[in-house]
Protein backbone atom coordinates (compact mmCIF):
# COMPACT_ATOMS: atom_id res chain seq x y z
CA UNK A 1 20.75 12.43 -3.44
CA UNK A 2 24.37 10.34 -1.92
CA UNK A 3 25.52 6.61 -3.60
CA UNK A 4 28.36 4.91 -2.06
CA UNK A 5 29.97 1.68 -3.67
CA UNK A 6 30.16 -0.82 -0.28
CA UNK A 7 31.07 -3.87 -2.31
CA UNK A 8 31.35 -5.03 -5.91
CA UNK A 9 34.10 -2.07 -6.38
CA UNK A 10 37.23 -2.66 -8.97
CA UNK A 11 36.13 -6.67 -8.09
CA UNK A 12 33.17 -8.89 -8.83
CA UNK A 13 31.90 -9.81 -5.38
CA UNK A 14 30.10 -8.55 -2.65
CA UNK A 15 27.39 -6.53 -4.53
CA UNK A 16 25.99 -3.44 -2.40
CA UNK A 17 25.53 0.31 -3.52
CA UNK A 18 23.87 2.48 -1.21
CA UNK A 19 21.45 5.02 -2.03
CA UNK A 20 20.47 8.53 0.84
CA UNK A 21 18.34 10.24 -0.59
CA UNK A 22 17.57 13.93 0.60
CA UNK A 23 14.26 12.62 2.17
CA UNK A 24 16.44 10.53 4.55
CA UNK A 25 15.36 7.16 3.14
CA UNK A 26 18.08 4.25 2.38
CA UNK A 27 18.27 1.94 -0.37
CA UNK A 28 20.52 -1.02 -0.64
CA UNK A 29 20.60 -1.94 -4.13
CA UNK A 30 21.52 -5.53 -4.10
CA UNK A 31 23.44 -7.20 -0.39
CA UNK A 32 26.34 -10.03 -1.90
CA UNK A 33 28.41 -11.88 0.04
CA UNK A 34 32.27 -10.94 -0.83
CA UNK A 35 33.60 -14.38 -1.85
CA UNK A 36 37.29 -16.11 -2.69
CA UNK A 37 39.23 -13.87 -0.26
CA UNK A 38 40.67 -16.58 2.15
CA UNK A 39 41.06 -14.92 5.78
CA UNK A 40 40.41 -11.47 4.44
CA UNK A 41 37.16 -12.65 2.84
CA UNK A 42 35.02 -12.95 6.25
CA UNK A 43 36.30 -9.47 7.65
CA UNK A 44 34.77 -7.82 4.64
CA UNK A 45 31.62 -9.50 4.56
CA UNK A 46 31.47 -8.32 8.91
CA UNK A 47 32.43 -4.49 7.92
CA UNK A 48 29.10 -3.59 5.93
CA UNK A 49 30.04 0.35 6.61
CA UNK A 50 26.15 1.03 6.97
CA UNK A 51 24.11 -0.01 9.80
CA UNK A 52 21.87 -2.44 9.11
CA UNK A 53 19.27 -0.93 10.96
CA UNK A 54 19.37 2.23 9.17
CA UNK A 55 17.91 0.68 5.70
CA UNK A 56 15.03 1.48 4.21
CA UNK A 57 14.78 -0.96 1.50
CA UNK A 58 17.03 -3.72 -0.27
CA UNK A 59 16.26 -3.75 -3.65
CA UNK A 60 17.45 -7.33 -5.26
CA UNK A 61 18.73 -7.99 -9.01
CA UNK A 62 18.82 -11.69 -8.92
CA UNK A 63 19.57 -14.88 -5.94
CA UNK A 64 23.39 -15.29 -6.73
CA UNK A 65 24.80 -15.34 -3.49
CA UNK A 66 27.80 -12.21 -4.49
CA UNK A 67 24.47 -10.38 -4.60
CA UNK A 68 21.95 -11.88 -2.13
CA UNK A 69 23.92 -13.64 0.42
CA UNK A 70 24.91 -11.08 3.24
CA UNK A 71 20.45 -10.35 3.70
CA UNK A 72 20.33 -12.78 6.69
CA UNK A 73 23.94 -11.04 7.98
CA UNK A 74 21.37 -7.57 7.90
CA UNK A 75 18.67 -9.40 9.37
CA UNK A 76 20.91 -10.83 12.20
CA UNK A 77 22.09 -6.97 12.66
CA UNK A 78 18.82 -5.56 12.37
CA UNK A 79 17.25 -4.99 9.60
CA UNK A 80 13.43 -4.69 9.18
CA UNK A 81 12.47 -3.14 5.91
CA UNK A 82 11.74 -4.88 2.58
CA UNK A 83 13.61 -6.89 0.34
CA UNK A 84 11.83 -6.23 -3.58
CA UNK A 85 12.72 -8.78 -5.48
CA UNK A 86 11.09 -11.27 -8.47
CA UNK A 87 9.10 -13.93 -7.85
CA UNK A 88 11.59 -15.94 -9.05
CA UNK A 89 14.35 -14.37 -7.09
CA UNK A 90 12.12 -15.02 -3.87
CA UNK A 91 12.30 -18.52 -4.13
CA UNK A 92 15.50 -18.93 -5.21
CA UNK A 93 16.63 -17.21 -2.51
CA UNK A 94 13.87 -19.12 0.19
CA UNK A 95 16.78 -22.12 -0.48
CA UNK A 96 19.85 -20.51 -1.53
CA UNK A 97 20.33 -18.40 1.59
CA UNK A 98 19.53 -21.36 4.41
CA UNK A 99 22.19 -23.19 2.00
CA UNK A 100 24.01 -20.58 2.60
CA UNK A 101 23.65 -20.47 6.37
CA UNK A 102 23.87 -23.57 6.92
CA UNK A 103 27.63 -23.74 5.34
CA UNK A 104 28.63 -20.99 7.41
CA UNK A 105 28.14 -23.08 11.02
CA UNK A 106 29.70 -25.74 9.06
CA UNK A 107 33.00 -24.36 8.16
CA UNK A 108 32.94 -22.21 11.86
CA UNK A 109 32.49 -25.33 13.86
CA UNK A 110 35.82 -27.09 11.58
CA UNK A 111 37.46 -23.48 12.63
CA UNK A 112 36.76 -23.27 16.15
CA UNK A 113 38.20 -26.95 16.87
CA UNK A 114 41.54 -25.85 15.07
CA UNK A 115 41.07 -22.35 16.90
CA UNK A 116 40.73 -25.21 19.83
CA UNK A 117 43.65 -26.91 19.51
CA UNK A 118 45.44 -23.25 19.30
CA UNK A 119 44.07 -22.25 22.51
CA UNK A 120 41.90 -19.22 21.07
CA UNK A 121 38.86 -18.72 21.40
CA UNK A 122 35.35 -20.00 19.16
CA UNK A 123 33.85 -17.36 16.73
CA UNK A 124 30.88 -17.28 15.41
CA UNK A 125 29.20 -18.28 12.17
CA UNK A 126 28.48 -15.10 9.72
CA UNK A 127 24.56 -16.45 10.17
CA UNK A 128 22.61 -19.06 10.60
CA UNK A 129 20.28 -21.28 8.71
CA UNK A 130 17.12 -19.65 11.35
CA UNK A 131 18.75 -16.91 10.69
CA UNK A 132 18.04 -16.90 7.03
CA UNK A 133 15.01 -18.46 7.11
CA UNK A 134 13.62 -15.37 9.09
CA UNK A 135 15.01 -12.72 7.02
CA UNK A 136 12.66 -14.69 4.26
CA UNK A 137 9.52 -12.81 5.56
CA UNK A 138 10.81 -9.36 4.31
CA UNK A 139 10.50 -10.01 0.52
CA UNK A 140 8.19 -8.74 -1.41
CA UNK A 141 8.44 -10.26 -4.73
CA UNK A 142 7.06 -8.30 -7.94
CA UNK A 143 6.21 -9.11 -11.11
CA UNK A 144 8.19 -7.50 -14.28
CA UNK A 145 7.82 -4.66 -16.34
CA UNK A 146 5.24 -3.28 -14.43
CA UNK A 147 6.67 -0.17 -11.84
CA UNK A 148 5.97 -0.56 -8.59
CA UNK A 149 5.85 2.07 -5.12
CA UNK A 150 7.67 1.13 -2.20
CA UNK A 151 7.05 4.49 -0.70
CA UNK A 152 5.34 8.02 -1.35
CA UNK A 153 8.90 9.20 -3.16
CA UNK A 154 10.54 6.05 -4.96
CA UNK A 155 9.58 3.77 -7.68
CA UNK A 156 11.26 0.64 -9.11
CA UNK A 157 10.68 -0.84 -12.23
CA UNK A 158 12.11 -5.01 -12.76
CA UNK A 159 13.57 -5.84 -16.34
CA UNK A 160 15.25 -9.33 -17.65
CA UNK A 161 18.38 -9.73 -17.84
CA UNK A 162 18.17 -13.00 -18.58
CA UNK A 163 21.87 -14.04 -16.20
CA UNK A 164 19.77 -15.68 -13.90
CA UNK A 165 16.22 -17.05 -13.29
CA UNK A 166 13.76 -14.39 -12.10
CA UNK A 167 17.56 -11.53 -12.63
CA UNK A 168 15.95 -8.65 -13.22
CA UNK A 169 17.95 -4.63 -13.73
CA UNK A 170 16.13 -2.27 -11.68
CA UNK A 171 15.33 1.09 -13.00
CA UNK A 172 14.65 3.02 -9.83
CA UNK A 173 12.53 5.96 -9.78
CA UNK A 174 13.35 9.10 -6.65
CA UNK A 175 11.54 11.83 -6.27
CA UNK A 176 13.62 14.32 -3.91
CA UNK A 177 10.68 17.37 -3.60
CA UNK A 178 9.88 17.88 -6.93
CA UNK A 179 13.12 16.90 -8.48
CA UNK A 180 13.05 13.56 -9.90
CA UNK A 181 16.05 11.16 -11.00
CA UNK A 182 16.46 7.75 -12.42
CA UNK A 183 19.17 5.73 -11.57
CA UNK A 184 19.41 2.04 -13.80
CA UNK A 185 20.46 -0.65 -12.48
CA UNK A 186 21.45 -3.42 -14.96
CA UNK A 187 22.73 -5.86 -12.19
CA UNK A 188 24.57 -8.93 -13.88
CA UNK A 189 23.37 -8.76 -17.69
CA UNK A 190 22.87 -12.27 -19.48
CA UNK A 191 23.76 -13.23 -22.57
CA UNK A 192 21.40 -13.10 -25.62
CA UNK A 193 21.82 -16.36 -27.11
CA UNK A 194 21.63 -18.00 -23.21
CA UNK A 195 20.69 -21.67 -23.28
CA UNK A 196 17.64 -21.28 -21.25
CA UNK A 197 16.74 -18.21 -20.55
CA UNK A 198 15.09 -15.17 -22.63
CA UNK A 199 17.63 -13.02 -23.87
CA UNK A 200 17.91 -9.68 -22.06
CA UNK A 201 14.93 -6.67 -22.39
CA UNK A 202 15.22 -2.84 -22.93
CA UNK A 203 14.95 -0.83 -20.09
CA UNK A 204 13.88 2.79 -19.33
CA UNK A 205 15.71 5.33 -20.29
CA UNK A 206 17.70 6.75 -16.99
CA UNK A 207 19.70 9.46 -15.61
CA UNK A 208 22.35 7.52 -14.08
CA UNK A 209 23.87 4.36 -14.92
CA UNK A 210 25.36 1.56 -12.97
CA UNK A 211 26.18 -1.31 -14.90
CA UNK A 212 28.72 -4.29 -14.44
CA UNK A 213 31.72 -5.58 -16.32
CA UNK A 214 32.57 -8.72 -15.00
CA UNK A 215 33.54 -9.81 -19.07
CA UNK A 216 35.03 -6.30 -19.88
CA UNK A 217 37.73 -7.21 -21.54
CA UNK A 218 36.80 -10.50 -23.29
CA UNK A 219 34.85 -12.29 -25.84
CA UNK A 220 33.18 -15.68 -25.11
CA UNK A 221 33.62 -18.52 -27.37
CA UNK A 222 31.10 -19.33 -30.52
CA UNK A 223 28.25 -21.59 -29.10
CA UNK A 224 28.42 -24.37 -31.28
CA UNK A 225 31.71 -24.79 -31.22
CA UNK A 226 31.98 -24.57 -26.74
CA UNK A 227 29.08 -27.12 -27.36
CA UNK A 228 31.35 -29.89 -29.93
CA UNK A 229 34.37 -29.00 -27.00
CA UNK A 230 31.94 -30.10 -24.06
CA UNK A 231 31.70 -33.29 -25.90
CA UNK A 232 35.13 -33.53 -26.79
CA UNK A 233 36.64 -33.41 -23.46
CA UNK A 234 33.25 -35.87 -22.00
CA UNK A 235 34.62 -38.31 -24.80
CA UNK A 236 38.36 -37.66 -24.12
CA UNK A 237 38.16 -38.45 -20.30
CA UNK A 238 35.52 -40.76 -20.14
CA UNK A 239 35.56 -43.30 -23.30
CA UNK A 240 39.58 -42.69 -24.43
CA UNK A 241 40.89 -41.84 -20.46
CA UNK A 242 38.60 -44.01 -18.93
CA UNK A 243 38.68 -40.99 -16.42
CA UNK A 244 36.76 -39.31 -14.24
CA UNK A 245 35.38 -35.82 -15.87
CA UNK A 246 34.76 -33.04 -12.59
CA UNK A 247 32.95 -30.24 -13.56
CA UNK A 248 32.55 -27.41 -10.82
CA UNK A 249 29.19 -25.49 -11.69
CA UNK A 250 27.61 -23.00 -9.80
CA UNK A 251 24.71 -24.62 -8.31
CA UNK A 252 21.74 -22.77 -9.77
CA UNK A 253 21.90 -21.49 -13.56
CA UNK A 254 25.28 -23.01 -14.91
CA UNK A 255 23.93 -26.35 -13.09
CA UNK A 256 20.88 -26.26 -15.05
CA UNK A 257 21.94 -25.41 -18.25
CA UNK A 258 24.56 -28.06 -18.47
CA UNK A 259 22.50 -30.14 -17.45
CA UNK A 260 19.97 -29.26 -20.56
CA UNK A 261 23.19 -29.10 -22.90
CA UNK A 262 23.97 -33.17 -21.42
CA UNK A 263 19.87 -33.51 -22.45
CA UNK A 264 19.83 -32.23 -26.24
CA UNK A 265 23.47 -34.69 -26.29
CA UNK A 266 21.37 -37.49 -25.03
CA UNK A 267 18.64 -37.19 -26.82
CA UNK A 268 20.74 -36.91 -30.23
CA UNK A 269 22.13 -40.18 -29.21
CA UNK A 270 25.62 -37.96 -29.04
CA UNK A 271 26.45 -39.21 -25.62
CA UNK A 272 28.11 -41.81 -24.10
CA UNK A 273 26.55 -43.99 -21.94
CA UNK A 274 27.92 -43.49 -18.85
CA UNK A 275 26.61 -42.36 -15.00
CA UNK A 276 26.25 -38.32 -14.88
CA UNK A 277 25.63 -37.39 -11.17
CA UNK A 278 24.82 -33.94 -10.19
CA UNK A 279 26.19 -34.09 -6.93
CA UNK A 280 24.31 -30.75 -4.72
CA UNK A 281 21.28 -30.70 -2.98
CA UNK A 282 20.90 -27.00 -3.52
CA UNK A 283 21.13 -27.88 -7.33
CA UNK A 284 18.57 -30.06 -7.08
CA UNK A 285 15.92 -28.01 -5.38
CA UNK A 286 17.33 -25.16 -7.26
CA UNK A 287 16.05 -27.46 -10.88
CA UNK A 288 12.54 -28.12 -9.14
CA UNK A 289 11.91 -24.54 -8.89
CA UNK A 290 13.36 -24.20 -12.87
CA UNK A 291 10.46 -26.24 -13.43
CA UNK A 292 8.15 -24.00 -12.19
CA UNK A 293 8.95 -21.23 -14.14
CA UNK A 294 9.18 -22.11 -17.54
CA UNK A 295 7.59 -19.03 -18.66
CA UNK A 296 11.30 -17.04 -18.33
CA UNK A 297 12.40 -19.66 -20.72
CA UNK A 298 13.39 -19.11 -24.55
CA UNK A 299 11.54 -20.30 -27.75
CA UNK A 300 14.85 -23.45 -28.11
CA UNK A 301 13.25 -24.82 -24.96
CA UNK A 302 9.74 -23.93 -25.32
CA UNK A 303 10.66 -26.52 -28.29
CA UNK A 304 12.13 -28.81 -26.79
CA UNK A 305 9.35 -29.25 -24.24
CA UNK A 306 7.18 -30.57 -27.20
CA UNK A 307 8.59 -33.96 -27.31
CA UNK A 308 10.65 -33.97 -23.73
CA UNK A 309 8.76 -33.02 -20.90
CA UNK A 310 11.46 -32.96 -18.79
CA UNK A 311 14.84 -30.73 -20.13
CA UNK A 312 16.65 -31.97 -16.63
CA UNK A 313 16.60 -35.56 -16.83
CA UNK A 314 16.82 -38.49 -18.31
CA UNK A 315 18.44 -41.82 -17.78
CA UNK A 316 21.99 -41.76 -17.57
CA UNK A 317 21.55 -38.75 -14.78
CA UNK A 318 21.22 -39.32 -11.11
CA UNK A 319 20.85 -36.23 -8.87
CA UNK A 320 22.60 -36.70 -5.72
CA UNK A 321 21.06 -35.81 -1.72
CA UNK A 322 22.18 -38.27 0.53
CA UNK A 323 26.27 -36.76 1.85
CA UNK A 324 27.16 -40.29 1.90
CA UNK A 325 25.79 -41.31 -1.40
CA UNK A 326 28.28 -37.81 -2.06
CA UNK A 327 31.23 -39.61 -0.36
CA UNK A 328 30.74 -42.96 -2.38
CA UNK A 329 31.08 -40.89 -5.79
CA UNK A 330 34.92 -40.83 -4.67
CA UNK A 331 34.87 -44.73 -4.13
CA UNK A 332 34.42 -45.64 -7.77
CA UNK A 333 36.67 -46.48 -10.21
CA UNK A 334 34.15 -46.33 -13.59
CA UNK A 335 34.49 -43.30 -16.24
CA UNK A 336 31.34 -40.87 -14.56
CA UNK A 337 30.78 -37.04 -14.98
CA UNK A 338 30.27 -35.34 -11.67
CA UNK A 339 29.12 -31.38 -11.53
CA UNK A 340 28.68 -29.95 -8.47
CA UNK A 341 28.99 -26.81 -6.91
CA UNK A 342 30.85 -24.47 -5.88
CA UNK A 343 31.82 -23.23 -9.89
CA UNK A 344 34.97 -20.79 -8.27
CA UNK A 345 36.09 -24.51 -6.46
CA UNK A 346 35.86 -22.36 -3.47
CA UNK A 347 33.38 -24.38 -1.38
CA UNK A 348 31.30 -27.18 -1.44
CA UNK A 349 31.62 -30.94 -2.04
CA UNK A 350 33.25 -30.25 -5.77
CA UNK A 351 36.70 -29.59 -3.44
CA UNK A 352 36.32 -33.19 -2.03
CA UNK A 353 35.86 -34.34 -5.34
CA UNK A 354 38.76 -32.05 -6.65
CA UNK A 355 40.67 -33.64 -4.01
CA UNK A 356 40.51 -36.63 -4.26
CA UNK A 357 40.31 -36.72 -7.92
CA UNK A 358 42.91 -34.14 -9.26
CA UNK A 359 46.48 -36.21 -8.74
CA UNK A 360 45.61 -38.81 -11.59
CA UNK A 361 45.83 -38.15 -15.52
CA UNK A 362 43.26 -40.42 -16.22
CA UNK A 363 40.75 -37.44 -14.73
CA UNK A 364 39.94 -33.78 -16.25
CA UNK A 365 38.28 -31.06 -14.12
CA UNK A 366 36.12 -28.49 -16.61
CA UNK A 367 36.16 -24.91 -16.02
CA UNK A 368 32.45 -23.56 -17.24
CA UNK A 369 32.30 -20.45 -15.53
CA UNK A 370 34.22 -17.13 -14.26
CA UNK A 371 36.68 -17.87 -11.06
CA UNK A 372 37.79 -14.99 -9.57
CA UNK A 373 41.59 -14.35 -9.42
CA UNK A 374 41.83 -15.22 -5.85
CA UNK A 375 39.96 -18.85 -5.47
CA UNK A 376 40.69 -22.32 -5.78
CA UNK A 377 39.53 -22.31 -9.27
CA UNK A 378 41.63 -19.57 -10.61
CA UNK A 379 44.34 -20.91 -9.26
CA UNK A 380 43.87 -24.32 -10.76
CA UNK A 381 43.63 -22.73 -14.67
CA UNK A 382 46.21 -20.20 -13.54
CA UNK A 383 48.76 -23.82 -13.96
CA UNK A 384 49.65 -23.82 -10.40
CA UNK A 385 51.10 -27.57 -9.97
CA UNK A 386 50.80 -28.23 -6.48
CA UNK A 387 47.57 -26.81 -4.90
CA UNK A 388 46.15 -26.57 -1.31
CA UNK A 389 42.82 -27.83 -0.54
CA UNK A 390 41.59 -28.42 3.48
CA UNK A 391 45.14 -27.64 4.38
CA UNK A 392 46.30 -30.58 2.80
CA UNK A 393 48.80 -30.16 -0.50
CA UNK A 394 47.99 -32.23 -4.10
CA UNK A 395 49.70 -32.42 -6.89
CA UNK A 396 47.54 -31.07 -10.05
CA UNK A 397 48.05 -34.28 -12.56
CA UNK A 398 43.71 -34.22 -14.17
CA UNK A 399 44.52 -32.30 -17.52
CA UNK A 400 42.53 -28.88 -16.80
CA UNK A 401 39.94 -27.70 -19.51
CA UNK A 402 38.17 -24.16 -19.31
CA UNK A 403 35.31 -23.62 -21.46
CA UNK A 404 33.86 -19.75 -20.86
CA UNK A 405 30.75 -19.62 -23.26
CA UNK A 406 28.69 -21.29 -20.50
CA UNK A 407 29.05 -17.99 -18.42
CA UNK A 408 25.96 -16.89 -17.45
CA UNK A 409 27.50 -13.52 -18.22
CA UNK A 410 27.51 -11.27 -21.27
CA UNK A 411 30.76 -9.75 -22.70
CA UNK A 412 31.83 -6.57 -23.24
CA UNK A 413 30.75 -6.66 -27.01
CA UNK A 414 26.80 -8.25 -25.94
CA UNK A 415 27.22 -5.85 -23.04
CA UNK A 416 27.56 -3.13 -25.35
CA UNK A 417 24.74 -4.23 -27.39
CA UNK A 418 22.29 -4.27 -24.12
CA UNK A 419 23.02 -0.66 -23.61
CA UNK A 420 22.00 0.23 -27.10
CA UNK A 421 18.14 0.49 -25.63
CA UNK A 422 19.87 3.82 -23.76
CA UNK A 423 20.16 7.60 -25.51
CA UNK A 424 23.56 7.99 -24.13
CA UNK A 425 23.55 11.59 -24.42
CA UNK A 426 20.59 11.49 -21.30
CA UNK A 427 23.34 9.65 -19.59
CA UNK A 428 24.81 12.38 -17.00
CA UNK A 429 27.40 9.60 -15.99
CA UNK A 430 27.98 5.81 -15.93
CA UNK A 431 29.03 3.71 -12.78
CA UNK A 432 31.27 0.66 -13.82
CA UNK A 433 31.32 -2.24 -11.49
CA UNK A 434 31.07 -5.80 -10.56
CA UNK A 435 34.20 -6.43 -12.50
CA UNK A 436 38.05 -6.49 -11.73
CA UNK A 437 39.61 -3.50 -12.31
CA UNK A 438 41.73 -4.95 -15.50
CA UNK A 439 38.63 -5.78 -17.49
CA UNK A 440 37.15 -2.34 -16.34
CA UNK A 441 39.40 -0.25 -18.45
CA UNK A 442 38.97 -1.20 -21.61
CA UNK A 443 35.24 -2.02 -20.87
CA UNK A 444 35.39 1.84 -20.21
CA UNK A 445 36.60 2.88 -23.50
CA UNK A 446 34.40 0.39 -25.15
CA UNK A 447 31.47 2.64 -23.34
CA UNK A 448 33.00 5.92 -24.66
CA UNK A 449 33.23 4.54 -28.02
CA UNK A 450 29.07 3.81 -27.77
CA UNK A 451 28.78 7.78 -26.83
CA UNK A 452 28.39 7.71 -22.75
CA UNK A 453 30.02 10.23 -20.89
CA UNK A 454 31.63 10.98 -17.55
CA UNK A 455 32.64 7.27 -17.05
CA UNK A 456 33.37 6.77 -13.61
CA UNK A 457 35.35 3.46 -11.98
CA UNK A 458 34.57 3.32 -7.67
CA UNK A 459 36.92 2.14 -5.76
CA UNK A 460 35.73 0.29 -2.63
CA UNK A 461 33.88 2.64 -0.32
CA UNK A 462 33.99 5.63 -2.55
CA UNK A 463 30.40 8.05 -2.13
CA UNK A 464 29.15 10.69 -5.31
CA UNK A 465 26.68 13.07 -5.52
CA UNK A 466 24.04 12.63 -7.34
CA UNK A 467 21.83 16.06 -8.82
CA UNK A 468 19.11 15.91 -11.79
CA UNK A 469 20.14 19.18 -13.05
């Protein structure tokens, strides 16, 4: 058996790990898009490093685009195998992937206008909204904690990771001519004290372990202190400065979490009575899916539901879907909060809100999650005084804040605690993925201290022989 690390190798996006068995089966663990690298991103996404038509199965850990976003492209290129995931992941992909296809088409439309002015030929989008709808016929949803045969020699078991609604670690059991190998793939690991979701569950003992490392060199802020800081920033921006607070947030996961926290503030009488807008059609649809899966939420949410039948809605909150309503927010002068995608500030409506508000010192921008080093969000957080959005320069005069405690990723201490379900002596090799190299090196030391040996940080495109000796 061989495993090849196609994406999320020494970086955070583009998760794709290819297993080729001795029976000739090809299994792709996740099928994510690369994000945040400018023109290089398009090249990386089109170079699949494997013929999609040869893939037998995609095992999908969760719906975030950096894990699921290339499934329509693989479909367009001939993939007709199965996509195995949880029911909530399938539900979220049914709205996320068409939304991604729509963005591809829209971005390509504007890009081709620019190319036409330069006398260049038009380019095609990576995939279309139609491709995304079509690929959904390949999805097979399975329950958590139940082993599932995907063919005569391969079994899969999903266990909750608490990172996103429906997110799961995958334990893949592969029988090669009587020799059984168990590969554990964590996907993205959630936090033990997530605001909405249940804490990650233990997963079965494996022989080989593939583990994420986004926050491999960092510890998160205290949860209560972070809530206090969020409330302070709201009051400082919207009450004291009478400005706008822009919160870039991933439409699925972080947005629902922030809305839930604001809902609690509202119920407790702590929230200033100012308009709050969730400006993202995808976030609106995702929130409705969240309402369908209350069984995946933790006991704190269950307690809130005893006296509040909608933890994602309150008196001063409005969900915006119409594009003209979105544009009108930038003409408003009164204090407000605008929550809009995307979280790394690379795409979506939030770029327009930032462009229209970042030059005003009365306003603030609050980052609430990880921003890859090359993204617009990272440049703003690094303190650059001038940024370019849609080809236009903008002065950074707004106040910039960051609270990483709202991230859906566990920090290195939480990840190490999660992996205590494994006996390190029985794990033959550990592959560290989905993290910047600068975070992976210290995280490898954390794992060594925990007793794991033969720890590898794969390079992009690197392959390894997997043997059950």
